[in-house]
């Protein structure tokens, strides 16, 4: 079963989008990661049996950004 979630993430450019998206899509359990710096959103589709929302938040932090629930 998959789950969708959206985080608000303050991104300023396409490079920011790419950094977040690349970090997330390399993670087992992440099915899809869409980042949009114009809307400051990251939308994720993931398998909660493989990765938790808290782990996803930490991955975004590791990429240099602070997520909040969208």
N, C-alpha and C. Protein backbone atom coordinates (compact mmCIF):
# COMPACT_ATOMS: atom_id res chain seq x y z
N UNK A 1 0.85 -1.17 0.00
CA UNK A 1 0.00 0.00 0.00
C UNK A 1 0.90 1.24 0.00
N UNK A 2 0.52 2.22 -0.76
CA UNK A 2 1.29 3.46 -0.80
C UNK A 2 0.54 4.58 -0.09
N UNK A 3 1.29 5.59 0.27
CA UNK A 3 0.72 6.75 0.94
C UNK A 3 1.27 7.99 0.26
N UNK A 4 0.47 9.05 0.26
CA UNK A 4 0.88 10.35 -0.27
C UNK A 4 0.99 11.34 0.87
N UNK A 5 1.94 12.24 0.77
CA UNK A 5 2.05 13.33 1.73
C UNK A 5 2.68 14.53 1.02
N UNK A 6 2.45 15.69 1.57
CA UNK A 6 3.03 16.91 1.03
C UNK A 6 3.68 17.68 2.17
N UNK A 7 4.90 18.13 1.93
CA UNK A 7 5.62 18.96 2.88
C UNK A 7 5.81 20.35 2.29
N UNK A 8 5.73 21.35 3.13
CA UNK A 8 6.12 22.70 2.74
C UNK A 8 7.62 22.81 2.97
N UNK A 9 8.34 23.24 1.93
CA UNK A 9 9.79 23.33 2.01
C UNK A 9 10.20 24.63 1.31
N UNK A 10 10.90 25.50 2.02
CA UNK A 10 11.32 26.77 1.46
C UNK A 10 12.47 26.56 0.48
N UNK A 11 12.14 26.54 -0.81
CA UNK A 11 13.13 26.37 -1.88
C UNK A 11 13.12 27.62 -2.74
N UNK A 12 14.29 27.96 -3.30
CA UNK A 12 14.41 29.21 -4.03
C UNK A 12 14.62 29.06 -5.54
N UNK A 13 14.97 27.85 -5.99
CA UNK A 13 15.30 27.71 -7.41
C UNK A 13 15.18 26.25 -7.83
N UNK A 14 15.39 26.01 -9.12
CA UNK A 14 15.33 24.66 -9.66
C UNK A 14 16.44 23.78 -9.06
N UNK A 15 17.56 24.37 -8.71
CA UNK A 15 18.63 23.62 -8.06
C UNK A 15 18.19 23.07 -6.72
N UNK A 16 17.42 23.86 -5.99
CA UNK A 16 16.88 23.41 -4.70
C UNK A 16 15.94 22.22 -4.93
N UNK A 17 15.05 22.37 -5.92
CA UNK A 17 14.13 21.28 -6.27
C UNK A 17 14.92 20.00 -6.56
N UNK A 18 15.95 20.13 -7.37
CA UNK A 18 16.74 18.97 -7.77
C UNK A 18 17.43 18.32 -6.57
N UNK A 19 17.96 19.12 -5.67
CA UNK A 19 18.63 18.58 -4.48
C UNK A 19 17.67 17.75 -3.63
N UNK A 20 16.48 18.28 -3.41
CA UNK A 20 15.48 17.58 -2.60
C UNK A 20 15.00 16.33 -3.33
N UNK A 21 14.64 16.48 -4.58
CA UNK A 21 14.11 15.37 -5.36
C UNK A 21 15.14 14.23 -5.47
N UNK A 22 16.39 14.57 -5.74
CA UNK A 22 17.44 13.55 -5.89
C UNK A 22 17.63 12.79 -4.59
N UNK A 23 17.69 13.50 -3.47
CA UNK A 23 17.85 12.85 -2.17
C UNK A 23 16.72 11.87 -1.91
N UNK A 24 15.50 12.30 -2.18
CA UNK A 24 14.34 11.46 -1.88
C UNK A 24 14.20 10.28 -2.83
N UNK A 25 14.43 10.49 -4.11
CA UNK A 25 14.22 9.39 -5.06
C UNK A 25 15.28 8.30 -4.95
N UNK A 26 16.38 8.60 -4.30
CA UNK A 26 17.41 7.57 -4.07
C UNK A 26 17.11 6.72 -2.84
N UNK A 27 16.00 6.99 -2.20
CA UNK A 27 15.63 6.31 -0.96
C UNK A 27 14.67 5.17 -1.24
N UNK A 28 15.01 3.99 -0.73
CA UNK A 28 14.14 2.85 -0.89
C UNK A 28 12.79 3.13 -0.23
N UNK A 29 11.73 2.84 -0.95
CA UNK A 29 10.38 3.08 -0.43
C UNK A 29 9.74 4.33 -0.99
N UNK A 30 10.55 5.24 -1.55
CA UNK A 30 9.99 6.43 -2.19
C UNK A 30 9.65 6.06 -3.63
N UNK A 31 8.39 6.18 -3.96
CA UNK A 31 7.92 5.83 -5.29
C UNK A 31 7.99 7.03 -6.22
N UNK A 32 7.64 8.19 -5.70
CA UNK A 32 7.65 9.41 -6.50
C UNK A 32 7.90 10.61 -5.60
N UNK A 33 8.71 11.53 -6.08
CA UNK A 33 8.99 12.78 -5.35
C UNK A 33 8.92 13.93 -6.35
N UNK A 34 8.00 14.84 -6.13
CA UNK A 34 7.85 16.02 -6.97
C UNK A 34 8.12 17.25 -6.12
N UNK A 35 9.07 18.07 -6.53
CA UNK A 35 9.40 19.30 -5.80
C UNK A 35 9.08 20.50 -6.69
N UNK A 36 8.49 21.53 -6.09
CA UNK A 36 8.13 22.74 -6.82
C UNK A 36 8.55 23.95 -6.00
N UNK A 37 9.61 24.65 -6.43
CA UNK A 37 10.10 25.79 -5.65
C UNK A 37 9.15 26.99 -5.73
N UNK A 38 8.35 27.08 -6.78
CA UNK A 38 7.42 28.21 -6.88
C UNK A 38 6.31 28.11 -5.85
N UNK A 39 5.90 26.89 -5.53
CA UNK A 39 4.86 26.67 -4.52
C UNK A 39 5.44 26.26 -3.17
N UNK A 40 6.76 26.08 -3.13
CA UNK A 40 7.44 25.61 -1.91
C UNK A 40 6.82 24.33 -1.38
N UNK A 41 6.62 23.37 -2.28
CA UNK A 41 6.02 22.10 -1.91
C UNK A 41 6.84 20.92 -2.42
N UNK A 42 6.82 19.88 -1.61
CA UNK A 42 7.36 18.58 -2.02
C UNK A 42 6.24 17.57 -1.81
N UNK A 43 5.80 16.97 -2.89
CA UNK A 43 4.75 15.96 -2.83
C UNK A 43 5.40 14.59 -3.01
N UNK A 44 5.07 13.68 -2.10
CA UNK A 44 5.69 12.35 -2.10
C UNK A 44 4.65 11.25 -2.15
N UNK A 45 4.99 10.21 -2.88
CA UNK A 45 4.26 8.96 -2.83
C UNK A 45 5.28 7.94 -2.34
N UNK A 46 4.93 7.22 -1.27
CA UNK A 46 5.91 6.31 -0.66
C UNK A 46 5.22 5.11 -0.05
N UNK A 47 6.03 4.11 0.25
CA UNK A 47 5.57 2.89 0.91
C UNK A 47 5.90 3.03 2.39
N UNK A 48 4.89 3.20 3.25
CA UNK A 48 5.15 3.40 4.68
C UNK A 48 5.73 2.18 5.38
N UNK A 49 5.73 1.04 4.72
CA UNK A 49 6.36 -0.15 5.31
C UNK A 49 7.87 -0.11 5.11
N UNK A 50 8.35 0.74 4.19
CA UNK A 50 9.78 0.83 3.92
C UNK A 50 10.41 2.13 4.44
N UNK A 51 9.62 3.20 4.51
CA UNK A 51 10.16 4.48 4.96
C UNK A 51 9.04 5.26 5.64
N UNK A 52 9.37 5.90 6.76
CA UNK A 52 8.37 6.65 7.52
C UNK A 52 8.38 8.13 7.13
N UNK A 53 7.31 8.84 7.49
CA UNK A 53 7.27 10.28 7.23
C UNK A 53 8.39 11.00 7.97
N UNK A 54 8.72 10.54 9.16
CA UNK A 54 9.82 11.19 9.91
C UNK A 54 11.15 10.96 9.19
N UNK A 55 11.36 9.79 8.64
CA UNK A 55 12.58 9.55 7.87
C UNK A 55 12.63 10.45 6.64
N UNK A 56 11.48 10.66 5.99
CA UNK A 56 11.41 11.55 4.84
C UNK A 56 11.75 12.98 5.25
N UNK A 57 11.21 13.42 6.38
CA UNK A 57 11.54 14.77 6.89
C UNK A 57 13.05 14.90 7.12
N UNK A 58 13.65 13.87 7.70
CA UNK A 58 15.08 13.91 7.98
C UNK A 58 15.90 13.95 6.68
N UNK A 59 15.46 13.23 5.67
CA UNK A 59 16.15 13.27 4.38
C UNK A 59 16.12 14.67 3.79
N UNK A 60 14.98 15.35 3.92
CA UNK A 60 14.88 16.72 3.42
C UNK A 60 15.81 17.63 4.22
N UNK A 61 15.88 17.42 5.53
CA UNK A 61 16.81 18.20 6.37
C UNK A 61 18.26 17.93 5.93
N UNK A 62 18.57 16.66 5.67
CA UNK A 62 19.92 16.29 5.24
C UNK A 62 20.30 16.97 3.91
N UNK A 63 19.29 17.27 3.09
CA UNK A 63 19.53 17.96 1.83
C UNK A 63 19.68 19.47 2.04
N UNK A 64 19.49 19.93 3.29
CA UNK A 64 19.71 21.34 3.62
C UNK A 64 18.46 22.19 3.73
N UNK A 65 17.30 21.55 3.86
CA UNK A 65 16.04 22.29 3.92
C UNK A 65 15.22 21.86 5.14
N UNK A 66 14.33 22.73 5.58
CA UNK A 66 13.48 22.43 6.75
C UNK A 66 12.05 22.18 6.30
N UNK A 67 11.58 20.95 6.42
CA UNK A 67 10.21 20.64 6.00
C UNK A 67 9.19 20.90 7.10
N UNK A 68 7.99 21.22 6.69
CA UNK A 68 6.86 21.25 7.60
C UNK A 68 5.69 20.62 6.87
N UNK A 69 4.73 20.11 7.61
CA UNK A 69 3.59 19.45 6.98
C UNK A 69 2.83 20.46 6.15
N UNK A 70 2.51 20.09 4.92
CA UNK A 70 1.86 21.00 3.98
C UNK A 70 0.38 20.98 4.02
